[in-house]
């Protein structure tokens, strides 16, 4: 695993010292991972949709709002699980 060094303002460092129960390196690691994962989301939904075959496009257009919400929640959970897995690697 690679190592990096961070600089923070003295005032922030003093506040961090007030919370020794928090693993600050883990906080930084999680935020870096989240940022990298969000940067990988470069394809828009319209671009993705255009890559699908016509049958799939028709099926998606006929999907109800409730079905989309359910699907979205499942995908969000999968994304969270993926992030959790990446932090354990």
N, C-alpha and C. Protein backbone atom coordinates (compact mmCIF):
# COMPACT_ATOMS: atom_id res chain seq x y z
N UNK A 1 0.85 -1.18 0.00
CA UNK A 1 0.00 0.00 0.00
C UNK A 1 0.89 1.23 0.00
N UNK A 2 0.52 2.21 -0.81
CA UNK A 2 1.29 3.46 -0.89
C UNK A 2 1.02 4.34 0.33
N UNK A 3 1.99 5.18 0.63
CA UNK A 3 1.85 6.14 1.74
C UNK A 3 1.90 7.55 1.17
N UNK A 4 1.12 8.44 1.78
CA UNK A 4 1.16 9.85 1.41
C UNK A 4 1.25 10.68 2.68
N UNK A 5 1.70 11.91 2.54
CA UNK A 5 1.78 12.84 3.67
C UNK A 5 0.84 14.00 3.38
N UNK A 6 0.06 14.37 4.38
CA UNK A 6 -0.88 15.48 4.24
C UNK A 6 -0.48 16.62 5.16
N UNK A 7 -0.77 17.81 4.73
CA UNK A 7 -0.59 18.99 5.58
C UNK A 7 -1.96 19.57 5.88
N UNK A 8 -2.19 19.90 7.14
CA UNK A 8 -3.44 20.54 7.54
C UNK A 8 -3.10 21.78 8.36
N UNK A 9 -3.98 22.78 8.34
CA UNK A 9 -3.73 23.98 9.15
C UNK A 9 -3.59 23.62 10.64
N UNK A 10 -2.80 24.41 11.35
CA UNK A 10 -2.56 24.16 12.77
C UNK A 10 -3.85 24.10 13.58
N UNK A 11 -4.82 24.97 13.23
CA UNK A 11 -6.09 24.99 13.99
C UNK A 11 -6.84 23.66 13.83
N UNK A 12 -6.80 23.13 12.61
CA UNK A 12 -7.48 21.86 12.35
C UNK A 12 -6.76 20.74 13.09
N UNK A 13 -5.45 20.76 13.07
CA UNK A 13 -4.66 19.73 13.76
C UNK A 13 -4.97 19.74 15.26
N UNK A 14 -5.11 20.94 15.83
CA UNK A 14 -5.44 21.04 17.25
C UNK A 14 -6.80 20.41 17.54
N UNK A 15 -7.76 20.65 16.64
CA UNK A 15 -9.09 20.04 16.81
C UNK A 15 -9.02 18.52 16.66
N UNK A 16 -8.20 18.07 15.73
CA UNK A 16 -8.04 16.62 15.54
C UNK A 16 -7.49 15.97 16.81
N UNK A 17 -6.55 16.65 17.46
CA UNK A 17 -5.96 16.13 18.71
C UNK A 17 -7.00 16.00 19.82
N UNK A 18 -8.08 16.78 19.73
CA UNK A 18 -9.16 16.70 20.72
C UNK A 18 -10.00 15.44 20.55
N UNK A 19 -9.78 14.70 19.47
CA UNK A 19 -10.56 13.50 19.19
C UNK A 19 -9.64 12.31 18.87
N UNK A 20 -8.92 11.83 19.88
CA UNK A 20 -7.98 10.72 19.64
C UNK A 20 -8.68 9.40 19.31
N UNK A 21 -9.98 9.34 19.55
CA UNK A 21 -10.73 8.11 19.24
C UNK A 21 -10.94 7.92 17.74
N UNK A 22 -10.74 8.98 16.98
CA UNK A 22 -10.94 8.92 15.53
C UNK A 22 -9.62 8.60 14.85
N UNK A 23 -9.67 7.63 13.94
CA UNK A 23 -8.48 7.29 13.14
C UNK A 23 -8.47 8.22 11.92
N UNK A 24 -7.73 9.31 12.03
CA UNK A 24 -7.75 10.33 11.01
C UNK A 24 -7.21 9.84 9.68
N UNK A 25 -6.29 8.91 9.71
CA UNK A 25 -5.79 8.37 8.44
C UNK A 25 -6.90 7.61 7.72
N UNK A 26 -7.78 6.95 8.49
CA UNK A 26 -8.90 6.24 7.88
C UNK A 26 -9.92 7.22 7.30
N UNK A 27 -10.13 8.34 7.98
CA UNK A 27 -11.03 9.37 7.46
C UNK A 27 -10.49 9.88 6.11
N UNK A 28 -9.21 10.15 6.05
CA UNK A 28 -8.60 10.63 4.80
C UNK A 28 -8.69 9.55 3.72
N UNK A 29 -8.38 8.31 4.08
CA UNK A 29 -8.43 7.20 3.12
C UNK A 29 -9.82 7.05 2.53
N UNK A 30 -10.85 7.06 3.37
CA UNK A 30 -12.23 6.91 2.91
C UNK A 30 -12.62 8.05 1.95
N UNK A 31 -12.24 9.25 2.29
CA UNK A 31 -12.59 10.39 1.44
C UNK A 31 -11.86 10.34 0.11
N UNK A 32 -10.62 9.89 0.11
CA UNK A 32 -9.88 9.75 -1.15
C UNK A 32 -10.52 8.69 -2.01
N UNK A 33 -10.88 7.55 -1.42
CA UNK A 33 -11.54 6.48 -2.16
C UNK A 33 -12.85 6.97 -2.75
N UNK A 34 -13.66 7.65 -1.96
CA UNK A 34 -14.95 8.17 -2.45
C UNK A 34 -14.75 9.14 -3.61
N UNK A 35 -13.76 9.98 -3.52
CA UNK A 35 -13.50 10.95 -4.59
C UNK A 35 -13.07 10.24 -5.87
N UNK A 36 -12.17 9.27 -5.75
CA UNK A 36 -11.71 8.53 -6.93
C UNK A 36 -12.87 7.79 -7.58
N UNK A 37 -13.72 7.16 -6.77
CA UNK A 37 -14.87 6.45 -7.32
C UNK A 37 -15.83 7.40 -8.01
N UNK A 38 -16.03 8.58 -7.45
CA UNK A 38 -16.95 9.54 -8.09
C UNK A 38 -16.36 10.07 -9.40
N UNK A 39 -15.04 10.18 -9.48
CA UNK A 39 -14.41 10.63 -10.72
C UNK A 39 -14.54 9.61 -11.84
N UNK A 40 -14.69 8.35 -11.47
CA UNK A 40 -14.83 7.31 -12.48
C UNK A 40 -16.20 7.33 -13.14
N UNK A 41 -17.16 8.03 -12.58
CA UNK A 41 -18.51 8.11 -13.13
C UNK A 41 -18.53 9.18 -14.21
N UNK A 42 -17.93 8.89 -15.34
CA UNK A 42 -17.79 9.90 -16.38
C UNK A 42 -18.85 9.80 -17.47
N UNK A 43 -19.52 8.67 -17.61
CA UNK A 43 -20.53 8.52 -18.65
C UNK A 43 -21.88 8.99 -18.13
N UNK A 44 -22.53 9.84 -18.90
CA UNK A 44 -23.85 10.33 -18.50
C UNK A 44 -24.88 9.22 -18.73
N UNK A 45 -26.03 9.36 -18.11
CA UNK A 45 -27.09 8.37 -18.29
C UNK A 45 -27.57 8.35 -19.74
N UNK A 46 -27.58 9.51 -20.40
CA UNK A 46 -28.00 9.56 -21.81
C UNK A 46 -27.01 8.80 -22.69
N UNK A 47 -25.73 8.95 -22.42
CA UNK A 47 -24.72 8.22 -23.18
C UNK A 47 -24.87 6.71 -23.00
N UNK A 48 -25.08 6.32 -21.75
CA UNK A 48 -25.27 4.90 -21.45
C UNK A 48 -26.52 4.38 -22.15
N UNK A 49 -27.60 5.12 -22.08
CA UNK A 49 -28.86 4.72 -22.68
C UNK A 49 -28.70 4.51 -24.19
N UNK A 50 -27.94 5.39 -24.83
CA UNK A 50 -27.75 5.29 -26.28
C UNK A 50 -26.98 4.02 -26.68
N UNK A 51 -26.24 3.43 -25.76
CA UNK A 51 -25.48 2.22 -26.05
C UNK A 51 -26.33 0.95 -25.97
N UNK A 52 -27.52 1.07 -25.40
CA UNK A 52 -28.39 -0.09 -25.21
C UNK A 52 -29.14 -0.43 -26.50
N UNK A 53 -29.50 -1.71 -26.64
CA UNK A 53 -30.27 -2.10 -27.82
C UNK A 53 -31.70 -1.56 -27.70
N UNK A 54 -32.43 -1.56 -28.81
CA UNK A 54 -33.77 -0.96 -28.85
C UNK A 54 -34.75 -1.62 -27.90
N UNK A 55 -34.69 -2.94 -27.79
CA UNK A 55 -35.59 -3.68 -26.90
C UNK A 55 -35.38 -3.24 -25.45
N UNK A 56 -34.12 -3.11 -25.05
CA UNK A 56 -33.81 -2.69 -23.68
C UNK A 56 -34.25 -1.24 -23.47
N UNK A 57 -34.04 -0.38 -24.45
CA UNK A 57 -34.47 1.01 -24.34
C UNK A 57 -35.99 1.09 -24.15
N UNK A 58 -36.75 0.33 -24.92
CA UNK A 58 -38.22 0.32 -24.78
C UNK A 58 -38.62 -0.16 -23.39
N UNK A 59 -37.96 -1.22 -22.94
CA UNK A 59 -38.27 -1.77 -21.62
C UNK A 59 -38.02 -0.72 -20.53
N UNK A 60 -36.90 -0.02 -20.62
CA UNK A 60 -36.58 0.99 -19.62
C UNK A 60 -37.55 2.17 -19.66
N UNK A 61 -37.98 2.54 -20.85
CA UNK A 61 -38.94 3.64 -20.97
C UNK A 61 -40.28 3.29 -20.33
N UNK A 62 -40.61 2.00 -20.29
CA UNK A 62 -41.88 1.54 -19.71
C UNK A 62 -41.77 1.22 -18.23
N UNK A 63 -40.64 1.49 -17.63
CA UNK A 63 -40.43 1.21 -16.21
C UNK A 63 -41.09 2.32 -15.37
N UNK A 64 -41.84 1.92 -14.37
CA UNK A 64 -42.55 2.91 -13.52
C UNK A 64 -41.57 3.64 -12.60
N UNK A 65 -42.02 4.77 -12.08
CA UNK A 65 -41.19 5.54 -11.14
C UNK A 65 -40.85 4.73 -9.90
N UNK A 66 -41.82 3.95 -9.40
CA UNK A 66 -41.57 3.13 -8.22
C UNK A 66 -40.50 2.07 -8.49
N UNK A 67 -40.55 1.49 -9.68
CA UNK A 67 -39.54 0.49 -10.04
C UNK A 67 -38.16 1.14 -10.13
N UNK A 68 -38.10 2.36 -10.68
CA UNK A 68 -36.83 3.07 -10.77
C UNK A 68 -36.29 3.38 -9.38
N UNK A 69 -37.16 3.81 -8.48
CA UNK A 69 -36.73 4.12 -7.11
C UNK A 69 -36.17 2.88 -6.43
N UNK A 70 -36.85 1.76 -6.58
CA UNK A 70 -36.38 0.51 -5.99
C UNK A 70 -35.02 0.11 -6.56
N UNK A 71 -34.89 0.21 -7.88
CA UNK A 71 -33.63 -0.12 -8.53
C UNK A 71 -32.51 0.81 -8.06
N UNK A 72 -32.83 2.09 -7.97
CA UNK A 72 -31.84 3.08 -7.54
C UNK A 72 -31.33 2.78 -6.14
N UNK A 73 -32.24 2.42 -5.24
CA UNK A 73 -31.83 2.08 -3.87
C UNK A 73 -30.94 0.85 -3.85
N UNK A 74 -31.26 -0.15 -4.67
CA UNK A 74 -30.43 -1.35 -4.74
C UNK A 74 -29.03 -1.01 -5.25
N UNK A 75 -28.95 -0.18 -6.28
CA UNK A 75 -27.66 0.19 -6.84
C UNK A 75 -26.84 1.02 -5.85
N UNK A 76 -27.51 1.88 -5.11
CA UNK A 76 -26.83 2.69 -4.10
C UNK A 76 -26.23 1.78 -3.04
N UNK A 77 -26.99 0.77 -2.63
CA UNK A 77 -26.50 -0.18 -1.63
C UNK A 77 -25.30 -0.95 -2.18
N UNK A 78 -25.38 -1.37 -3.44
CA UNK A 78 -24.27 -2.10 -4.06
C UNK A 78 -23.03 -1.21 -4.12
N UNK A 79 -23.23 0.07 -4.44
CA UNK A 79 -22.10 1.00 -4.49
C UNK A 79 -21.46 1.15 -3.13
N UNK A 80 -22.27 1.22 -2.08
CA UNK A 80 -21.76 1.32 -0.72
C UNK A 80 -20.98 0.07 -0.36
N UNK A 81 -21.51 -1.09 -0.75
CA UNK A 81 -20.83 -2.35 -0.46
C UNK A 81 -19.50 -2.42 -1.22
N UNK A 82 -19.47 -1.89 -2.43
CA UNK A 82 -18.24 -1.87 -3.22
C UNK A 82 -17.19 -1.01 -2.54
N UNK A 83 -17.59 0.16 -2.07
CA UNK A 83 -16.67 1.04 -1.37
C UNK A 83 -16.14 0.37 -0.11
N UNK A 84 -17.03 -0.30 0.61
CA UNK A 84 -16.63 -0.99 1.83
C UNK A 84 -15.61 -2.06 1.51
N UNK A 85 -15.84 -2.82 0.43
CA UNK A 85 -14.90 -3.86 0.02
C UNK A 85 -13.55 -3.27 -0.35
N UNK A 86 -13.54 -2.17 -1.10
CA UNK A 86 -12.29 -1.55 -1.53
C UNK A 86 -11.46 -1.08 -0.34
N UNK A 87 -12.11 -0.66 0.74
CA UNK A 87 -11.36 -0.20 1.90
C UNK A 87 -10.74 -1.37 2.66
N UNK A 88 -11.26 -2.58 2.44
CA UNK A 88 -10.74 -3.76 3.13
C UNK A 88 -9.59 -4.41 2.37
N UNK A 89 -9.44 -4.03 1.12
CA UNK A 89 -8.40 -4.64 0.27
C UNK A 89 -7.05 -4.08 0.61
